[in-house]
Amino acid sequence: MRPASLEQPINLRQRMRFVLARAFGRPIPGPILALSYRRNACGRHLAGCVQEGLRGAREWSVWEIELFAALVSSLNHCEFCAISHAAVAVRSLGDFEKVKRAVTDWRTADLEPRLRAALAFVEKLSLNPGEIGRADVLAARAAGLNDLALREVIYVCFILSTMDRLADAFNFPLPDAPTLRRYVSIAVTFGYRNFRG
């Protein structure tokens, strides 16, 4: 159940954004609401992590980072985040089928070995984090992932595992097609800076 206080803006700037969005009949995106709730305790810091992890990567392209995010969310059964991040990956890459195959069955999708190794690492870290060990790191390195690439993959898993739980706890509504297009356009153009409220 979503707390009523989640819908309340926390400052004048955010209040103006909420008023404008609602005036045009647009819903406030669930992640912005969640990261605005108890902003000083957690939201502001987590919002910075989202931007850093999903747009600050140096070893991966935007579509690859969004693919990792979509896979983590799919494995966590978070429909809102899986759909949203897959849509951003598609828009960034321009290939719906490749993203769909990579999310639904990365083992048989036509992917480069480095990306396939990263997806294997993402899957194991998401489903069985206690079983990640030296052998997994060595396998990823053998496929071409350096330490920074692995750290970035791990960071995406952390961020999305957290956001998936927030999305489910606060019951983020699934966006309709026009709203999803708007979310995707914002994420591709500006990243996740708007999460900062």
Protein backbone atom coordinates (compact mmCIF):
# COMPACT_ATOMS: atom_id res chain seq x y z
CA MET A 1 0.00 0.00 0.00
CA ARG A 2 1.35 3.40 -0.96
CA PRO A 3 1.59 5.92 1.92
CA ALA A 4 -0.30 9.16 1.21
CA SER A 5 2.80 11.16 2.17
CA LEU A 6 4.55 9.69 -0.89
CA GLU A 7 2.44 11.97 -3.08
CA GLN A 8 3.48 15.14 -1.22
CA PRO A 9 6.26 17.32 -2.70
CA ILE A 10 9.15 18.13 -0.39
CA ASN A 11 10.17 21.59 -1.60
CA LEU A 12 8.98 24.45 -3.78
CA ARG A 13 10.82 23.27 -6.89
CA GLN A 14 9.32 19.80 -6.61
CA ARG A 15 5.89 21.25 -5.82
CA MET A 16 6.04 23.23 -9.09
CA ARG A 17 7.04 20.12 -11.05
CA PHE A 18 4.20 18.12 -9.51
CA VAL A 19 1.67 20.90 -10.20
CA LEU A 20 2.77 21.22 -13.84
CA ALA A 21 2.75 17.47 -14.41
CA ARG A 22 -0.68 17.09 -12.89
CA ALA A 23 -1.99 20.12 -14.80
CA PHE A 24 -1.13 18.32 -18.03
CA GLY A 25 -2.69 15.10 -16.77
CA ARG A 26 0.64 13.35 -16.39
CA PRO A 27 1.36 11.03 -13.49
CA ILE A 28 4.42 11.62 -11.32
CA PRO A 29 6.81 8.73 -12.03
CA GLY A 30 6.91 6.21 -9.19
CA PRO A 31 10.70 6.37 -8.76
CA ILE A 32 10.59 10.14 -8.27
CA LEU A 33 7.86 9.75 -5.66
CA ALA A 34 9.77 6.99 -3.85
CA LEU A 35 13.06 8.88 -3.83
CA SER A 36 11.30 12.03 -2.61
CA TYR A 37 9.83 10.22 0.39
CA ARG A 38 11.92 10.83 3.52
CA ARG A 39 14.34 12.60 1.25
CA ASN A 40 16.95 13.55 3.84
CA ALA A 41 17.10 10.09 5.35
CA CYS A 42 17.68 8.15 2.15
CA GLY A 43 16.10 9.43 -1.05
CA ARG A 44 18.65 12.10 -1.96
CA HIS A 45 21.57 9.69 -1.53
CA LEU A 46 19.92 6.83 -3.37
CA ALA A 47 18.93 9.20 -6.20
CA GLY A 48 22.61 10.13 -6.59
CA CYS A 49 23.51 6.44 -6.73
CA VAL A 50 20.91 5.83 -9.45
CA GLN A 51 22.35 8.58 -11.66
CA GLU A 52 25.94 7.51 -11.00
CA GLY A 53 25.30 3.81 -11.59
CA LEU A 54 23.05 4.10 -14.62
CA ARG A 55 24.80 7.00 -16.36
CA GLY A 56 28.29 7.17 -14.85
CA ALA A 57 29.62 3.91 -16.31
CA ARG A 58 32.84 4.12 -18.29
CA GLU A 59 33.13 0.49 -19.39
CA TRP A 60 29.59 -0.01 -20.70
CA SER A 61 27.32 1.81 -23.12
CA VAL A 62 23.94 3.17 -22.03
CA TRP A 63 22.09 0.31 -23.73
CA GLU A 64 24.27 -2.29 -21.97
CA ILE A 65 23.76 -0.67 -18.54
CA GLU A 66 20.02 -0.51 -19.19
CA LEU A 67 20.10 -4.15 -20.31
CA PHE A 68 21.74 -5.12 -17.00
CA ALA A 69 19.05 -3.12 -15.19
CA ALA A 70 16.26 -4.81 -17.15
CA LEU A 71 17.72 -8.27 -16.47
CA VAL A 72 18.09 -7.65 -12.72
CA SER A 73 14.51 -6.37 -12.57
CA SER A 74 13.22 -9.29 -14.61
CA LEU A 75 14.97 -11.74 -12.28
CA ASN A 76 13.51 -9.88 -9.30
CA HIS A 77 10.04 -10.08 -10.91
CA CYS A 78 9.66 -6.30 -10.87
CA GLU A 79 7.52 -5.63 -13.92
CA PHE A 80 7.66 -1.82 -13.69
CA CYS A 81 11.47 -1.65 -13.68
CA ALA A 82 11.97 -4.50 -16.16
CA ILE A 83 9.67 -2.87 -18.72
CA SER A 84 11.03 0.63 -18.16
CA HIS A 85 14.72 -0.28 -18.40
CA ALA A 86 14.21 -2.63 -21.35
CA ALA A 87 12.45 0.22 -23.17
CA VAL A 88 15.38 2.57 -22.48
CA ALA A 89 17.80 -0.11 -23.72
CA VAL A 90 15.77 -0.51 -26.92
CA ARG A 91 15.69 3.25 -27.51
CA SER A 92 19.45 3.53 -26.86
CA LEU A 93 20.39 0.59 -29.10
CA GLY A 94 17.63 0.85 -31.68
CA ASP A 95 17.09 -2.94 -31.78
CA PHE A 96 13.99 -4.27 -30.01
CA GLU A 97 14.63 -7.93 -30.89
CA LYS A 98 18.21 -7.94 -29.62
CA VAL A 99 17.20 -6.44 -26.27
CA LYS A 100 14.22 -8.79 -25.96
CA ARG A 101 16.37 -11.86 -26.67
CA ALA A 102 19.08 -10.67 -24.27
CA VAL A 103 16.62 -10.17 -21.41
CA THR A 104 14.59 -13.34 -21.98
CA ASP A 105 17.47 -15.70 -22.85
CA TRP A 106 20.93 -14.14 -22.89
CA ARG A 107 22.54 -17.59 -23.21
CA THR A 108 21.29 -18.04 -26.80
CA ALA A 109 21.08 -14.38 -27.86
CA ASP A 110 23.59 -13.09 -30.42
CA LEU A 111 25.87 -11.19 -28.02
CA GLU A 112 29.59 -10.58 -27.79
CA PRO A 113 31.37 -12.83 -25.22
CA ARG A 114 32.18 -9.90 -22.90
CA LEU A 115 28.51 -8.89 -22.65
CA ARG A 116 27.38 -12.50 -22.24
CA ALA A 117 29.87 -12.96 -19.37
CA ALA A 118 28.57 -9.79 -17.71
CA LEU A 119 24.97 -11.04 -18.00
CA ALA A 120 25.98 -14.38 -16.46
CA PHE A 121 27.56 -12.48 -13.57
CA VAL A 122 24.44 -10.28 -13.22
CA GLU A 123 22.17 -13.32 -13.13
CA LYS A 124 24.20 -15.15 -10.49
CA LEU A 125 24.65 -12.03 -8.36
CA SER A 126 20.91 -11.33 -8.54
CA LEU A 127 19.70 -14.86 -7.83
CA ASN A 128 22.47 -16.37 -5.69
CA PRO A 129 24.68 -13.59 -4.32
CA GLY A 130 26.14 -15.81 -1.60
CA GLU A 131 27.54 -18.14 -4.25
CA ILE A 132 29.55 -15.48 -6.13
CA GLY A 133 33.22 -16.27 -5.74
CA ARG A 134 36.67 -16.14 -7.22
CA ALA A 135 35.79 -18.50 -10.06
CA ASP A 136 33.02 -16.13 -11.23
CA VAL A 137 35.38 -13.17 -11.24
CA LEU A 138 38.05 -15.13 -13.10
CA ALA A 139 35.50 -16.28 -15.71
CA ALA A 140 34.36 -12.68 -16.21
CA ARG A 141 37.96 -11.48 -16.54
CA ALA A 142 38.72 -14.24 -19.05
CA ALA A 143 35.85 -12.89 -21.19
CA GLY A 144 37.34 -9.40 -21.15
CA LEU A 145 35.85 -7.67 -18.09
CA ASN A 146 38.33 -5.64 -16.09
CA ASP A 147 37.85 -4.64 -12.44
CA LEU A 148 36.04 -1.41 -13.32
CA ALA A 149 33.63 -3.24 -15.64
CA LEU A 150 32.83 -5.72 -12.85
CA ARG A 151 32.35 -2.94 -10.29
CA GLU A 152 29.94 -1.19 -12.62
CA VAL A 153 27.93 -4.39 -13.12
CA ILE A 154 27.81 -4.96 -9.36
CA TYR A 155 26.69 -1.36 -8.81
CA VAL A 156 23.81 -1.76 -11.28
CA CYS A 157 22.73 -4.95 -9.46
CA PHE A 158 22.76 -3.11 -6.13
CA ILE A 159 20.81 -0.13 -7.44
CA LEU A 160 18.17 -2.16 -9.26
CA SER A 161 17.72 -4.66 -6.47
CA THR A 162 16.98 -1.70 -4.21
CA MET A 163 14.73 0.11 -6.70
CA ASP A 164 12.86 -3.10 -7.55
CA ARG A 165 11.94 -3.51 -3.91
CA LEU A 166 10.83 0.12 -3.67
CA ALA A 167 8.76 -0.25 -6.85
CA ASP A 168 7.03 -3.30 -5.43
CA ALA A 169 6.61 -1.87 -1.91
CA PHE A 170 5.15 1.42 -3.19
CA ASN A 171 3.18 -0.28 -5.96
CA PHE A 172 4.48 1.76 -8.91
CA PRO A 173 1.74 1.66 -11.55
CA LEU A 174 2.75 0.25 -14.93
CA PRO A 175 2.97 3.10 -17.40
CA ASP A 176 0.69 3.14 -20.43
CA ALA A 177 2.39 3.40 -23.86
CA PRO A 178 2.47 7.23 -24.07
CA THR A 179 3.74 7.55 -20.50
CA LEU A 180 6.41 4.91 -21.11
CA ARG A 181 7.56 6.78 -24.23
CA ARG A 182 7.84 9.95 -22.15
CA TYR A 183 9.81 8.16 -19.38
CA VAL A 184 12.14 6.65 -21.97
CA SER A 185 12.68 9.98 -23.70
CA ILE A 186 13.56 11.63 -20.40
CA ALA A 187 15.91 8.80 -19.36
CA VAL A 188 17.72 8.78 -22.71
CA THR A 189 18.01 12.57 -22.89
CA PHE A 190 18.73 13.49 -19.27
CA GLY A 191 19.62 10.25 -17.54
CA TYR A 192 18.27 9.94 -14.02
CA ARG A 193 19.14 13.40 -12.74
CA ASN A 194 15.42 14.15 -12.36
CA PHE A 195 15.29 11.57 -9.58
CA ARG A 196 17.04 14.11 -7.37
CA GLY A 197 13.78 16.00 -6.99
